[in-house]
């Protein structure tokens, strides 16, 4: 299934089945750590200035972690497919997760929800391409698509994406199975993504919403 690594396995009990999506969040860890150091430096500087009596008062600082074993499609911003049912790869896995953390001005929120349907792969793909289009131009990151091949070629050459540092939409390091379809809309740090794959007589698909702040 889909593996996502962006410039954005510990997993909560019962959420391990969403490992491919949680990998996205965990890849953001080093960025948040770097941001935390910057925030600490700023806080220390503010405290020093305040202590000398000549600077601005130090800003309040907050940090938090939010892990929930469910997801709201309204938060993802995509509709439920008619007749689709929650999907689990294993019995002890959860079909949805909401994961968020913040550290001062830095933060990330990841929402994932997995479903299965007996309808055709083409029909479900068309449904979600139209739903994604409501949020902007849709990028096809399916294996073999022009955008995915271009990203793969850049990676093999050690080149950076044209969108790097611009927060533009790009397939990045998304790696999908040969028969998997992946569609993405938004920007590098704020996007929606849908991946779909035929599994026997069913179509398994997952919706992903990722937001990063200050990273």
N, C-alpha and C. Protein backbone atom coordinates (compact mmCIF):
# COMPACT_ATOMS: atom_id res chain seq x y z
N UNK A 1 0.84 -1.21 0.00
CA UNK A 1 0.00 0.00 0.00
C UNK A 1 0.87 1.25 0.00
N UNK A 2 0.21 2.35 0.08
CA UNK A 2 0.85 3.65 -0.03
C UNK A 2 1.86 3.90 1.07
N UNK A 3 3.00 4.43 0.68
CA UNK A 3 4.00 4.89 1.64
C UNK A 3 4.27 6.35 1.35
N UNK A 4 4.23 7.18 2.39
CA UNK A 4 4.40 8.62 2.19
C UNK A 4 5.55 9.12 3.03
N UNK A 5 6.48 9.83 2.39
CA UNK A 5 7.54 10.50 3.11
C UNK A 5 7.66 11.89 2.51
N UNK A 6 7.48 12.92 3.30
CA UNK A 6 7.57 14.27 2.76
C UNK A 6 8.48 15.09 3.64
N UNK A 7 8.80 16.33 3.08
CA UNK A 7 9.56 17.24 3.90
C UNK A 7 8.61 17.76 4.94
N UNK A 8 7.78 17.33 5.08
CA UNK A 8 6.94 17.30 6.24
C UNK A 8 7.25 15.94 6.79
N UNK A 9 8.21 2.69 14.67
CA UNK A 9 6.82 2.92 14.38
C UNK A 9 6.21 2.71 15.74
N UNK A 10 6.59 4.14 16.19
CA UNK A 10 5.72 3.96 17.32
C UNK A 10 4.33 4.30 16.88
N UNK A 11 3.37 3.52 17.29
CA UNK A 11 2.00 3.86 16.96
C UNK A 11 1.14 3.52 18.15
N UNK A 12 0.10 4.34 18.40
CA UNK A 12 -0.76 4.06 19.53
C UNK A 12 -1.34 2.67 19.41
N UNK A 13 -1.63 2.03 20.52
CA UNK A 13 -2.18 0.69 20.51
C UNK A 13 -3.45 0.67 19.66
N UNK A 14 -3.48 -0.29 18.72
CA UNK A 14 -4.65 -0.43 17.87
C UNK A 14 -4.64 0.44 16.64
N UNK A 15 -3.57 1.23 16.42
CA UNK A 15 -3.53 2.10 15.26
C UNK A 15 -2.40 1.70 14.32
N UNK A 16 -1.72 0.62 14.59
CA UNK A 16 -0.57 0.22 13.80
C UNK A 16 -0.93 -0.02 12.35
N UNK A 17 -2.17 -0.37 12.06
CA UNK A 17 -2.58 -0.63 10.69
C UNK A 17 -2.54 0.59 9.82
N UNK A 18 -2.41 1.77 10.40
CA UNK A 18 -2.32 2.99 9.62
C UNK A 18 -0.87 3.42 9.50
N UNK A 19 0.05 2.46 9.60
CA UNK A 19 1.47 2.77 9.60
C UNK A 19 1.91 3.58 8.41
N UNK A 20 1.39 3.29 7.21
CA UNK A 20 1.83 4.02 6.03
C UNK A 20 1.52 5.50 6.15
N UNK A 21 0.38 5.82 6.73
CA UNK A 21 0.03 7.24 6.90
C UNK A 21 0.74 7.84 8.10
N UNK A 22 0.89 7.07 9.19
CA UNK A 22 1.57 7.60 10.37
C UNK A 22 3.03 7.87 10.08
N UNK A 23 3.60 7.14 9.10
CA UNK A 23 4.98 7.40 8.72
C UNK A 23 5.16 8.85 8.30
N UNK A 24 4.12 9.39 7.69
CA UNK A 24 4.14 10.79 7.30
C UNK A 24 4.37 11.70 8.49
N UNK A 25 3.64 11.44 9.55
CA UNK A 25 3.75 12.27 10.74
C UNK A 25 5.11 12.10 11.40
N UNK A 26 5.59 10.86 11.46
CA UNK A 26 6.84 10.60 12.12
C UNK A 26 8.01 11.21 11.37
N UNK A 27 7.86 11.32 10.03
CA UNK A 27 8.91 11.96 9.25
C UNK A 27 9.01 13.45 9.56
N UNK A 28 7.94 14.00 10.13
CA UNK A 28 7.95 15.42 10.49
C UNK A 28 8.65 15.66 11.82
N UNK A 29 8.93 14.59 12.55
CA UNK A 29 9.53 14.73 13.87
C UNK A 29 10.79 15.56 13.90
N UNK A 30 11.78 15.27 13.01
CA UNK A 30 13.01 16.07 13.01
C UNK A 30 12.75 17.54 12.75
N UNK A 31 11.76 17.84 11.88
CA UNK A 31 11.46 19.23 11.59
C UNK A 31 10.90 19.94 12.82
N UNK A 32 10.03 19.22 13.54
CA UNK A 32 9.46 19.80 14.75
C UNK A 32 10.54 19.98 15.80
N UNK A 33 11.46 19.02 15.87
CA UNK A 33 12.55 19.13 16.84
C UNK A 33 13.40 20.37 16.54
N UNK A 34 13.67 20.58 15.24
CA UNK A 34 14.43 21.77 14.86
C UNK A 34 13.67 23.03 15.19
N UNK A 35 12.37 22.99 14.95
CA UNK A 35 11.55 24.14 15.27
C UNK A 35 11.51 24.40 16.75
N UNK A 36 11.51 23.32 17.52
CA UNK A 36 11.47 23.45 18.97
C UNK A 36 12.72 24.17 19.48
N UNK A 37 13.88 23.84 18.88
CA UNK A 37 15.11 24.50 19.29
C UNK A 37 15.03 26.00 18.99
N UNK A 38 14.46 26.32 17.81
CA UNK A 38 14.33 27.73 17.45
C UNK A 38 13.39 28.44 18.43
N UNK A 39 12.30 27.74 18.78
CA UNK A 39 11.34 28.33 19.71
C UNK A 39 11.96 28.53 21.08
N UNK A 40 12.77 27.55 21.51
CA UNK A 40 13.44 27.66 22.80
C UNK A 40 14.39 28.86 22.81
N UNK A 41 15.12 29.04 21.68
CA UNK A 41 16.06 30.15 21.60
C UNK A 41 15.35 31.48 21.67
N UNK A 42 14.21 31.54 20.95
CA UNK A 42 13.43 32.78 20.96
C UNK A 42 12.88 33.07 22.34
N UNK A 43 12.42 32.00 23.01
CA UNK A 43 11.87 32.18 24.35
C UNK A 43 12.95 32.65 25.32
N UNK A 44 14.14 32.03 25.19
CA UNK A 44 15.24 32.39 26.08
C UNK A 44 15.67 33.84 25.86
N UNK A 45 15.68 34.21 24.55
CA UNK A 45 16.06 35.58 24.22
C UNK A 45 15.05 36.57 24.79
N UNK A 46 13.77 36.22 24.69
CA UNK A 46 12.74 37.10 25.22
C UNK A 46 12.83 37.23 26.71
N UNK A 47 13.15 36.12 27.38
CA UNK A 47 13.27 36.15 28.84
C UNK A 47 14.43 37.01 29.27
N UNK A 48 15.53 36.91 28.49
CA UNK A 48 16.71 37.69 28.83
C UNK A 48 16.42 39.18 28.69
N UNK A 49 15.73 39.53 27.58
CA UNK A 49 15.43 40.94 27.36
C UNK A 49 14.50 41.46 28.43
N UNK A 50 13.53 40.62 28.80
CA UNK A 50 12.57 41.04 29.81
C UNK A 50 13.25 41.23 31.16
N UNK A 51 14.22 40.32 31.43
CA UNK A 51 14.91 40.39 32.71
C UNK A 51 15.74 41.65 32.84
N UNK A 52 16.25 42.15 31.68
CA UNK A 52 17.09 43.35 31.75
C UNK A 52 16.25 44.61 31.85
N UNK A 53 14.92 44.43 31.65
CA UNK A 53 14.03 45.56 31.81
C UNK A 53 13.90 46.42 30.58
N UNK A 54 14.60 46.03 29.46
CA UNK A 54 14.55 46.88 28.29
C UNK A 54 13.88 46.26 27.10
N UNK A 55 13.37 45.05 27.22
CA UNK A 55 12.80 44.38 26.04
C UNK A 55 11.34 44.08 26.22
N UNK A 56 10.80 43.40 25.20
CA UNK A 56 9.39 43.00 25.24
C UNK A 56 9.23 41.81 26.18
N UNK A 57 8.08 41.68 26.82
CA UNK A 57 7.85 40.53 27.69
C UNK A 57 7.85 39.24 26.90
N UNK A 58 8.30 38.16 27.51
CA UNK A 58 8.37 36.86 26.84
C UNK A 58 6.97 36.37 26.49
N UNK A 59 6.85 35.78 25.31
CA UNK A 59 5.57 35.26 24.86
C UNK A 59 5.25 33.95 25.58
N UNK A 60 3.96 33.70 25.78
CA UNK A 60 3.55 32.44 26.38
C UNK A 60 3.87 31.30 25.42
N UNK A 61 4.29 30.16 25.96
CA UNK A 61 4.68 29.02 25.13
C UNK A 61 3.82 27.82 25.49
N UNK A 62 3.38 27.07 24.47
CA UNK A 62 2.55 25.90 24.73
C UNK A 62 2.97 24.75 23.84
N UNK A 63 2.69 23.52 24.29
CA UNK A 63 2.98 22.32 23.52
C UNK A 63 1.92 21.28 23.84
N UNK A 64 1.65 20.40 22.89
CA UNK A 64 0.63 19.39 23.15
C UNK A 64 0.66 18.26 22.14
N UNK A 65 0.02 17.16 22.50
CA UNK A 65 -0.09 15.98 21.64
C UNK A 65 -1.52 15.48 21.70
N UNK A 66 -2.10 15.18 20.55
CA UNK A 66 -3.48 14.72 20.46
C UNK A 66 -3.53 13.47 19.58
N UNK A 67 -3.96 12.35 20.16
CA UNK A 67 -4.09 11.09 19.41
C UNK A 67 -5.48 10.53 19.65
N UNK A 68 -6.24 10.37 18.58
CA UNK A 68 -7.59 9.83 18.68
C UNK A 68 -7.78 8.71 17.66
N UNK A 69 -8.43 7.63 18.08
CA UNK A 69 -8.63 6.48 17.20
C UNK A 69 -9.93 6.61 16.41
N UNK A 70 -10.15 7.77 15.85
CA UNK A 70 -11.29 8.00 14.97
C UNK A 70 -10.99 9.24 14.14
N UNK A 71 -11.77 9.44 13.09
CA UNK A 71 -11.56 10.59 12.22
C UNK A 71 -12.91 11.10 11.74
N UNK A 72 -13.01 12.41 11.59
CA UNK A 72 -14.22 13.04 11.09
C UNK A 72 -13.98 13.46 9.64
N UNK A 73 -14.81 12.95 8.73
CA UNK A 73 -14.62 13.27 7.32
C UNK A 73 -14.79 14.76 7.04
N UNK A 74 -15.53 15.47 7.90
CA UNK A 74 -15.66 16.91 7.74
C UNK A 74 -14.31 17.59 7.94
N UNK A 75 -13.49 17.02 8.84
CA UNK A 75 -12.15 17.57 9.07
C UNK A 75 -11.23 17.26 7.90
N UNK A 76 -11.45 16.12 7.25
CA UNK A 76 -10.65 15.79 6.07
C UNK A 76 -11.09 16.66 4.90
N UNK A 77 -12.38 16.98 4.87
CA UNK A 77 -12.89 17.83 3.81
C UNK A 77 -13.28 17.07 2.56
N UNK A 78 -13.55 15.76 2.72
CA UNK A 78 -13.95 14.93 1.59
C UNK A 78 -15.19 14.14 1.98
N UNK A 79 -16.05 13.85 1.01
CA UNK A 79 -17.30 13.13 1.33
C UNK A 79 -17.09 11.63 1.46
N UNK A 80 -18.02 10.99 2.17
CA UNK A 80 -18.00 9.53 2.26
C UNK A 80 -18.51 8.96 0.94
N UNK A 81 -17.91 7.88 0.50
CA UNK A 81 -18.39 7.24 -0.73
C UNK A 81 -19.65 6.44 -0.40
N UNK A 82 -20.72 6.60 -1.18
CA UNK A 82 -21.98 5.90 -0.88
C UNK A 82 -21.82 4.39 -0.73
N UNK A 83 -22.25 3.88 0.41
CA UNK A 83 -22.22 2.45 0.64
C UNK A 83 -20.88 1.89 1.10
N UNK A 84 -19.86 2.75 1.20
CA UNK A 84 -18.54 2.27 1.64
C UNK A 84 -18.57 1.92 3.12
N UNK A 85 -17.73 1.00 3.53
CA UNK A 85 -17.66 0.55 4.92
C UNK A 85 -16.24 0.72 5.45
N UNK A 86 -16.09 0.93 6.75
CA UNK A 86 -14.75 1.04 7.33
C UNK A 86 -13.92 -0.21 7.02
N UNK A 87 -12.64 -0.01 6.75
CA UNK A 87 -11.78 -1.12 6.35
C UNK A 87 -10.58 -1.27 7.28
N UNK A 88 -10.30 -2.49 7.67
CA UNK A 88 -9.14 -2.81 8.49
C UNK A 88 -8.34 -3.91 7.81
N UNK A 89 -7.02 -3.78 7.84
CA UNK A 89 -6.18 -4.84 7.28
C UNK A 89 -6.09 -6.02 8.25
N UNK A 90 -6.21 -5.73 9.55
CA UNK A 90 -6.19 -6.78 10.57
C UNK A 90 -7.28 -6.50 11.59
N UNK A 91 -7.70 -7.52 12.32
CA UNK A 91 -8.81 -7.36 13.25
C UNK A 91 -8.52 -6.38 14.37
N UNK A 92 -7.26 -6.33 14.81
CA UNK A 92 -6.94 -5.47 15.96
C UNK A 92 -6.53 -4.06 15.54
N UNK A 93 -6.73 -3.73 14.28
CA UNK A 93 -6.36 -2.40 13.81
C UNK A 93 -7.57 -1.48 13.80
N UNK A 94 -7.29 -0.20 13.82
CA UNK A 94 -8.33 0.81 13.71
C UNK A 94 -8.42 1.28 12.26
N UNK A 95 -9.62 1.66 11.86
CA UNK A 95 -9.81 2.09 10.48
C UNK A 95 -9.60 3.60 10.31
N UNK A 96 -9.37 4.30 11.41
CA UNK A 96 -9.19 5.75 11.32
C UNK A 96 -8.34 6.26 12.48
N UNK A 97 -7.69 7.40 12.27
CA UNK A 97 -6.89 8.00 13.33
C UNK A 97 -6.77 9.50 13.09
N UNK A 98 -6.72 10.25 14.17
CA UNK A 98 -6.41 11.67 14.12
C UNK A 98 -5.19 11.88 15.01
N UNK A 99 -4.14 12.43 14.45
CA UNK A 99 -2.90 12.63 15.19
C UNK A 99 -2.45 14.07 15.02
N UNK A 100 -2.19 14.72 16.13
CA UNK A 100 -1.73 16.10 16.06
C UNK A 100 -0.76 16.42 17.17
N UNK A 101 0.17 17.31 16.89
CA UNK A 101 1.05 17.78 17.95
C UNK A 101 1.47 19.21 17.65
N UNK A 102 1.77 19.93 18.70
CA UNK A 102 2.18 21.33 18.55
C UNK A 102 3.32 21.62 19.51
N UNK A 103 4.17 22.55 19.10
CA UNK A 103 5.28 22.97 19.94
C UNK A 103 5.50 24.45 19.65
N UNK A 104 4.90 25.29 20.46
CA UNK A 104 4.98 26.73 20.21
C UNK A 104 4.36 27.06 18.86
N UNK A 105 5.10 27.75 17.99
CA UNK A 105 4.55 28.15 16.69
C UNK A 105 4.55 27.01 15.67
N UNK A 106 5.06 25.84 16.06
CA UNK A 106 5.17 24.72 15.14
C UNK A 106 4.11 23.66 15.46
N UNK A 107 3.59 23.02 14.42
CA UNK A 107 2.59 22.00 14.69
C UNK A 107 2.27 21.19 13.45
N UNK A 108 1.55 20.10 13.64
CA UNK A 108 1.16 19.22 12.56
C UNK A 108 -0.12 18.50 12.94
N UNK A 109 -1.00 18.30 11.97
CA UNK A 109 -2.21 17.53 12.18
C UNK A 109 -2.38 16.57 11.02
N UNK A 110 -2.59 15.30 11.33
CA UNK A 110 -2.76 14.26 10.33
C UNK A 110 -4.06 13.51 10.63
N UNK A 111 -4.90 13.38 9.61
CA UNK A 111 -6.16 12.65 9.75
C UNK A 111 -6.22 11.60 8.66
N UNK A 112 -6.51 10.35 9.03
CA UNK A 112 -6.57 9.26 8.06
C UNK A 112 -7.82 8.44 8.31
N UNK A 113 -8.50 8.07 7.23
CA UNK A 113 -9.67 7.21 7.35
C UNK A 113 -9.66 6.21 6.20
N UNK A 114 -9.90 4.92 6.51
CA UNK A 114 -9.80 3.85 5.52
C UNK A 114 -11.16 3.20 5.29
N UNK A 115 -11.45 2.90 4.02
CA UNK A 115 -12.74 2.33 3.66
C UNK A 115 -12.58 1.23 2.62
N UNK A 116 -13.66 0.48 2.43
CA UNK A 116 -13.71 -0.55 1.39
C UNK A 116 -15.07 -0.48 0.71
N UNK A 117 -15.10 -0.84 -0.58
CA UNK A 117 -16.35 -0.82 -1.34
C UNK A 117 -16.32 -1.92 -2.39
N UNK A 118 -17.49 -2.40 -2.78
CA UNK A 118 -17.60 -3.40 -3.83
C UNK A 118 -17.77 -2.78 -5.21
N UNK A 119 -17.84 -1.45 -5.27
CA UNK A 119 -17.98 -0.77 -6.56
C UNK A 119 -16.67 -0.80 -7.34
N UNK A 120 -16.73 -0.35 -8.58
CA UNK A 120 -15.55 -0.42 -9.45
C UNK A 120 -14.48 0.60 -9.04
N UNK A 121 -13.24 0.24 -9.31
CA UNK A 121 -12.12 1.13 -9.01
C UNK A 121 -12.24 2.43 -9.81
N UNK A 122 -12.64 2.32 -11.06
CA UNK A 122 -12.79 3.52 -11.89
C UNK A 122 -13.86 4.45 -11.33
N UNK A 123 -14.99 3.86 -10.91
CA UNK A 123 -16.08 4.67 -10.39
C UNK A 123 -15.71 5.42 -9.12
N UNK A 124 -15.04 4.73 -8.19
CA UNK A 124 -14.64 5.36 -6.93
C UNK A 124 -13.54 6.40 -7.19
N UNK A 125 -12.62 6.08 -8.10
CA UNK A 125 -11.55 7.03 -8.44
C UNK A 125 -12.14 8.32 -9.00
N UNK A 126 -13.09 8.19 -9.92
CA UNK A 126 -13.72 9.38 -10.50
C UNK A 126 -14.44 10.20 -9.44
N UNK A 127 -15.10 9.51 -8.51
CA UNK A 127 -15.83 10.19 -7.43
C UNK A 127 -14.89 11.07 -6.62
N UNK A 128 -13.73 10.51 -6.25
CA UNK A 128 -12.82 11.28 -5.40
C UNK A 128 -11.97 12.28 -6.16
N UNK A 129 -11.74 12.05 -7.43
CA UNK A 129 -11.04 13.06 -8.21
C UNK A 129 -11.91 14.32 -8.31
N UNK A 130 -13.21 14.12 -8.48
CA UNK A 130 -14.11 15.26 -8.52
C UNK A 130 -14.19 15.95 -7.16
N UNK A 131 -14.22 15.15 -6.08
CA UNK A 131 -14.28 15.74 -4.74
C UNK A 131 -13.01 16.53 -4.42
N UNK A 132 -11.87 15.99 -4.80
CA UNK A 132 -10.60 16.69 -4.57
C UNK A 132 -10.51 17.97 -5.39
N UNK A 133 -11.08 17.95 -6.60
CA UNK A 133 -11.02 19.11 -7.49
C UNK A 133 -11.69 20.34 -6.90
N UNK A 134 -12.57 20.13 -5.92
CA UNK A 134 -13.22 21.26 -5.26
C UNK A 134 -12.21 22.07 -4.44
N UNK A 135 -11.04 21.47 -4.17
CA UNK A 135 -10.02 22.14 -3.36
C UNK A 135 -8.85 22.65 -4.21
N UNK A 136 -8.92 22.46 -5.53
CA UNK A 136 -7.85 22.94 -6.39
C UNK A 136 -7.45 21.91 -7.43
N UNK A 137 -6.41 22.20 -8.23
CA UNK A 137 -5.94 21.26 -9.25
C UNK A 137 -5.48 19.94 -8.63
N UNK A 138 -5.90 18.83 -9.21
CA UNK A 138 -5.58 17.51 -8.68
C UNK A 138 -4.33 16.96 -9.36
N UNK A 139 -3.37 16.51 -8.57
CA UNK A 139 -2.14 15.93 -9.10
C UNK A 139 -2.24 14.41 -9.02
N UNK A 140 -2.00 13.74 -10.14
CA UNK A 140 -2.03 12.28 -10.20
C UNK A 140 -0.65 11.75 -9.84
N UNK A 141 -0.53 11.14 -8.66
CA UNK A 141 0.74 10.58 -8.19
C UNK A 141 0.74 9.06 -8.26
N UNK A 142 -0.16 8.49 -9.05
CA UNK A 142 -0.21 7.04 -9.20
C UNK A 142 1.08 6.55 -9.83
N UNK A 143 1.43 5.31 -9.53
CA UNK A 143 2.64 4.72 -10.10
C UNK A 143 2.55 4.75 -11.63
N UNK A 144 3.57 5.28 -12.28
CA UNK A 144 3.58 5.36 -13.73
C UNK A 144 3.04 6.65 -14.29
N UNK A 145 2.44 7.50 -13.44
CA UNK A 145 1.93 8.79 -13.93
C UNK A 145 3.11 9.72 -14.22
N UNK A 146 2.94 10.71 -15.10
CA UNK A 146 4.04 11.63 -15.42
C UNK A 146 4.64 12.31 -14.18
N UNK A 147 3.77 12.76 -13.27
CA UNK A 147 4.26 13.44 -12.07
C UNK A 147 5.05 12.49 -11.18
N UNK A 148 4.57 11.26 -11.03
CA UNK A 148 5.27 10.28 -10.20
C UNK A 148 6.60 9.87 -10.82
N UNK A 149 6.62 9.70 -12.14
CA UNK A 149 7.86 9.33 -12.82
C UNK A 149 8.89 10.45 -12.73
N UNK A 150 8.42 11.70 -12.86
CA UNK A 150 9.33 12.84 -12.76
C UNK A 150 9.94 12.92 -11.36
N UNK A 151 9.10 12.70 -10.33
CA UNK A 151 9.59 12.73 -8.95
C UNK A 151 10.59 11.61 -8.71
N UNK A 152 10.32 10.43 -9.27
CA UNK A 152 11.22 9.28 -9.11
C UNK A 152 12.55 9.55 -9.79
N UNK A 153 12.51 10.17 -10.96
CA UNK A 153 13.74 10.47 -11.69
C UNK A 153 14.58 11.48 -10.93
N UNK A 154 13.92 12.52 -10.39
CA UNK A 154 14.66 13.52 -9.61
C UNK A 154 15.33 12.88 -8.39
N UNK A 155 14.60 11.98 -7.75
CA UNK A 155 15.14 11.32 -6.56
C UNK A 155 16.35 10.47 -6.89
N UNK A 156 16.28 9.74 -8.02
CA UNK A 156 17.41 8.88 -8.41
C UNK A 156 18.65 9.70 -8.75
N UNK A 157 18.44 10.95 -9.18
CA UNK A 157 19.56 11.82 -9.51
C UNK A 157 20.00 12.67 -8.33
N UNK A 158 19.27 12.56 -7.24
CA UNK A 158 19.61 13.35 -6.07
C UNK A 158 19.23 14.80 -6.22
N UNK A 159 18.28 15.08 -7.13
CA UNK A 159 17.87 16.45 -7.36
C UNK A 159 16.68 16.81 -6.48
N UNK A 160 16.57 18.10 -6.18
CA UNK A 160 15.44 18.58 -5.40
C UNK A 160 14.26 18.87 -6.31
N UNK A 161 13.08 18.77 -5.74
CA UNK A 161 11.88 19.08 -6.50
C UNK A 161 11.83 20.56 -6.86
N UNK A 162 11.22 20.86 -7.99
CA UNK A 162 11.04 22.26 -8.38
C UNK A 162 10.19 23.01 -7.36
N UNK A 163 9.36 22.23 -6.62
CA UNK A 163 8.46 22.83 -5.63
C UNK A 163 9.11 22.98 -4.27
N UNK A 164 10.33 22.45 -4.12
CA UNK A 164 11.00 22.49 -2.82
C UNK A 164 11.19 23.92 -2.35
N UNK A 165 10.77 24.17 -1.13
CA UNK A 165 10.90 25.50 -0.55
C UNK A 165 9.84 26.49 -0.99
N UNK A 166 8.98 26.08 -1.93
CA UNK A 166 7.93 26.97 -2.43
C UNK A 166 6.56 26.59 -1.89
N UNK A 167 6.47 25.49 -1.16
CA UNK A 167 5.22 24.98 -0.64
C UNK A 167 4.22 24.74 -1.77
N UNK A 168 4.70 24.25 -2.91
CA UNK A 168 3.85 23.92 -4.04
C UNK A 168 3.56 22.43 -4.06
N UNK A 169 2.51 22.07 -4.76
CA UNK A 169 2.09 20.67 -4.83
C UNK A 169 3.08 19.84 -5.63
N UNK A 170 3.43 18.69 -5.09
CA UNK A 170 4.40 17.80 -5.74
C UNK A 170 4.18 16.39 -5.23
N UNK A 171 4.53 15.40 -6.03
CA UNK A 171 4.39 14.01 -5.58
C UNK A 171 5.41 13.67 -4.50
N UNK A 172 6.50 14.44 -4.44
CA UNK A 172 7.50 14.22 -3.41
C UNK A 172 8.03 12.80 -3.43
N UNK A 173 8.07 12.16 -2.25
CA UNK A 173 8.57 10.80 -2.14
C UNK A 173 7.43 9.79 -1.98
N UNK A 174 6.25 10.13 -2.47
CA UNK A 174 5.14 9.17 -2.41
C UNK A 174 5.51 7.95 -3.24
N UNK A 175 5.39 6.79 -2.65
CA UNK A 175 5.69 5.54 -3.34
C UNK A 175 4.48 4.62 -3.24
N UNK A 176 3.88 4.34 -4.38
CA UNK A 176 2.67 3.52 -4.39
C UNK A 176 2.92 2.20 -5.11
N UNK A 177 2.06 1.22 -4.84
CA UNK A 177 2.14 -0.06 -5.53
C UNK A 177 1.82 0.15 -7.01
N UNK A 178 2.18 -0.81 -7.81
CA UNK A 178 2.02 -0.68 -9.26
C UNK A 178 0.57 -0.42 -9.67
N UNK A 179 -0.37 -1.09 -9.01
CA UNK A 179 -1.78 -0.97 -9.39
C UNK A 179 -2.55 0.01 -8.50
N UNK A 180 -1.84 0.79 -7.71
CA UNK A 180 -2.50 1.72 -6.79
C UNK A 180 -2.65 3.09 -7.43
N UNK A 181 -3.78 3.73 -7.19
CA UNK A 181 -4.02 5.07 -7.70
C UNK A 181 -3.92 6.06 -6.55
N UNK A 182 -3.22 7.15 -6.78
CA UNK A 182 -2.99 8.15 -5.74
C UNK A 182 -3.25 9.54 -6.31
N UNK A 183 -4.10 10.29 -5.64
CA UNK A 183 -4.44 11.65 -6.09
C UNK A 183 -4.24 12.62 -4.93
N UNK A 184 -3.73 13.80 -5.26
CA UNK A 184 -3.33 14.74 -4.23
C UNK A 184 -3.72 16.15 -4.64
N UNK A 185 -4.11 16.97 -3.66
CA UNK A 185 -4.45 18.35 -3.94
C UNK A 185 -4.02 19.23 -2.76
N UNK A 186 -3.59 20.45 -3.04
CA UNK A 186 -3.18 21.35 -1.97
C UNK A 186 -1.77 21.86 -2.18
N UNK A 187 -0.99 21.89 -1.11
CA UNK A 187 0.40 22.31 -1.16
C UNK A 187 1.24 21.26 -0.44
N UNK A 188 2.55 21.47 -0.44
CA UNK A 188 3.45 20.51 0.18
C UNK A 188 3.16 20.30 1.66
N UNK A 189 2.76 21.37 2.34
CA UNK A 189 2.56 21.30 3.79
C UNK A 189 1.09 21.30 4.21
N UNK A 190 0.22 21.35 3.24
CA UNK A 190 -1.20 21.40 3.56
C UNK A 190 -1.96 20.75 2.40
N UNK A 191 -2.23 19.46 2.52
CA UNK A 191 -2.83 18.76 1.39
C UNK A 191 -3.84 17.70 1.81
N UNK A 192 -4.63 17.31 0.83
CA UNK A 192 -5.54 16.17 0.93
C UNK A 192 -5.07 15.13 -0.07
N UNK A 193 -5.23 13.86 0.28
CA UNK A 193 -4.75 12.78 -0.58
C UNK A 193 -5.71 11.60 -0.49
N UNK A 194 -5.94 10.96 -1.63
CA UNK A 194 -6.75 9.74 -1.66
C UNK A 194 -5.96 8.67 -2.42
N UNK A 195 -5.83 7.50 -1.83
CA UNK A 195 -5.19 6.37 -2.50
C UNK A 195 -6.20 5.22 -2.59
N UNK A 196 -6.19 4.51 -3.71
CA UNK A 196 -7.16 3.45 -3.96
C UNK A 196 -6.47 2.25 -4.60
N UNK A 197 -6.94 1.05 -4.23
CA UNK A 197 -6.35 -0.16 -4.80
C UNK A 197 -7.37 -1.29 -4.82
N UNK A 198 -7.34 -2.05 -5.90
CA UNK A 198 -8.21 -3.22 -6.01
C UNK A 198 -7.60 -4.34 -5.18
N UNK A 199 -8.39 -4.89 -4.26
CA UNK A 199 -7.96 -6.02 -3.42
C UNK A 199 -9.03 -7.10 -3.53
N UNK A 200 -8.78 -8.09 -4.37
CA UNK A 200 -9.80 -9.10 -4.62
C UNK A 200 -11.00 -8.46 -5.30
N UNK A 201 -12.18 -8.69 -4.73
CA UNK A 201 -13.40 -8.11 -5.29
C UNK A 201 -13.71 -6.73 -4.70
N UNK A 202 -12.89 -6.29 -3.75
CA UNK A 202 -13.12 -5.01 -3.09
C UNK A 202 -12.13 -3.96 -3.58
N UNK A 203 -12.52 -2.71 -3.38
CA UNK A 203 -11.60 -1.60 -3.56
C UNK A 203 -11.32 -1.03 -2.19
N UNK A 204 -10.05 -1.02 -1.80
CA UNK A 204 -9.66 -0.43 -0.52
C UNK A 204 -9.13 0.97 -0.81
N UNK A 205 -9.58 1.94 -0.04
CA UNK A 205 -9.10 3.30 -0.25
C UNK A 205 -8.98 4.03 1.08
N UNK A 206 -8.07 4.98 1.12
CA UNK A 206 -7.87 5.77 2.32
C UNK A 206 -7.80 7.25 1.96
N UNK A 207 -8.38 8.05 2.83
CA UNK A 207 -8.34 9.50 2.68
C UNK A 207 -7.41 10.08 3.74
N UNK A 208 -6.58 11.02 3.31
CA UNK A 208 -5.58 11.61 4.21
C UNK A 208 -5.67 13.12 4.16
N UNK A 209 -5.60 13.75 5.31
CA UNK A 209 -5.53 15.21 5.42
C UNK A 209 -4.34 15.55 6.27
N UNK A 210 -3.43 16.37 5.74
CA UNK A 210 -2.25 16.75 6.49
C UNK A 210 -2.07 18.26 6.47
N UNK A 211 -1.82 18.81 7.65
CA UNK A 211 -1.56 20.25 7.80
C UNK A 211 -0.32 20.43 8.65
N UNK A 212 0.60 21.23 8.18
CA UNK A 212 1.80 21.56 8.96
C UNK A 212 1.88 23.07 9.14
N UNK A 213 2.30 23.49 10.32
CA UNK A 213 2.38 24.91 10.64
C UNK A 213 3.78 25.27 11.11
N UNK A 214 4.40 26.19 10.43
CA UNK A 214 5.71 26.69 10.85
C UNK A 214 6.86 25.76 10.56
N UNK A 215 6.66 24.72 9.77
CA UNK A 215 7.72 23.75 9.50
C UNK A 215 8.36 23.99 8.14
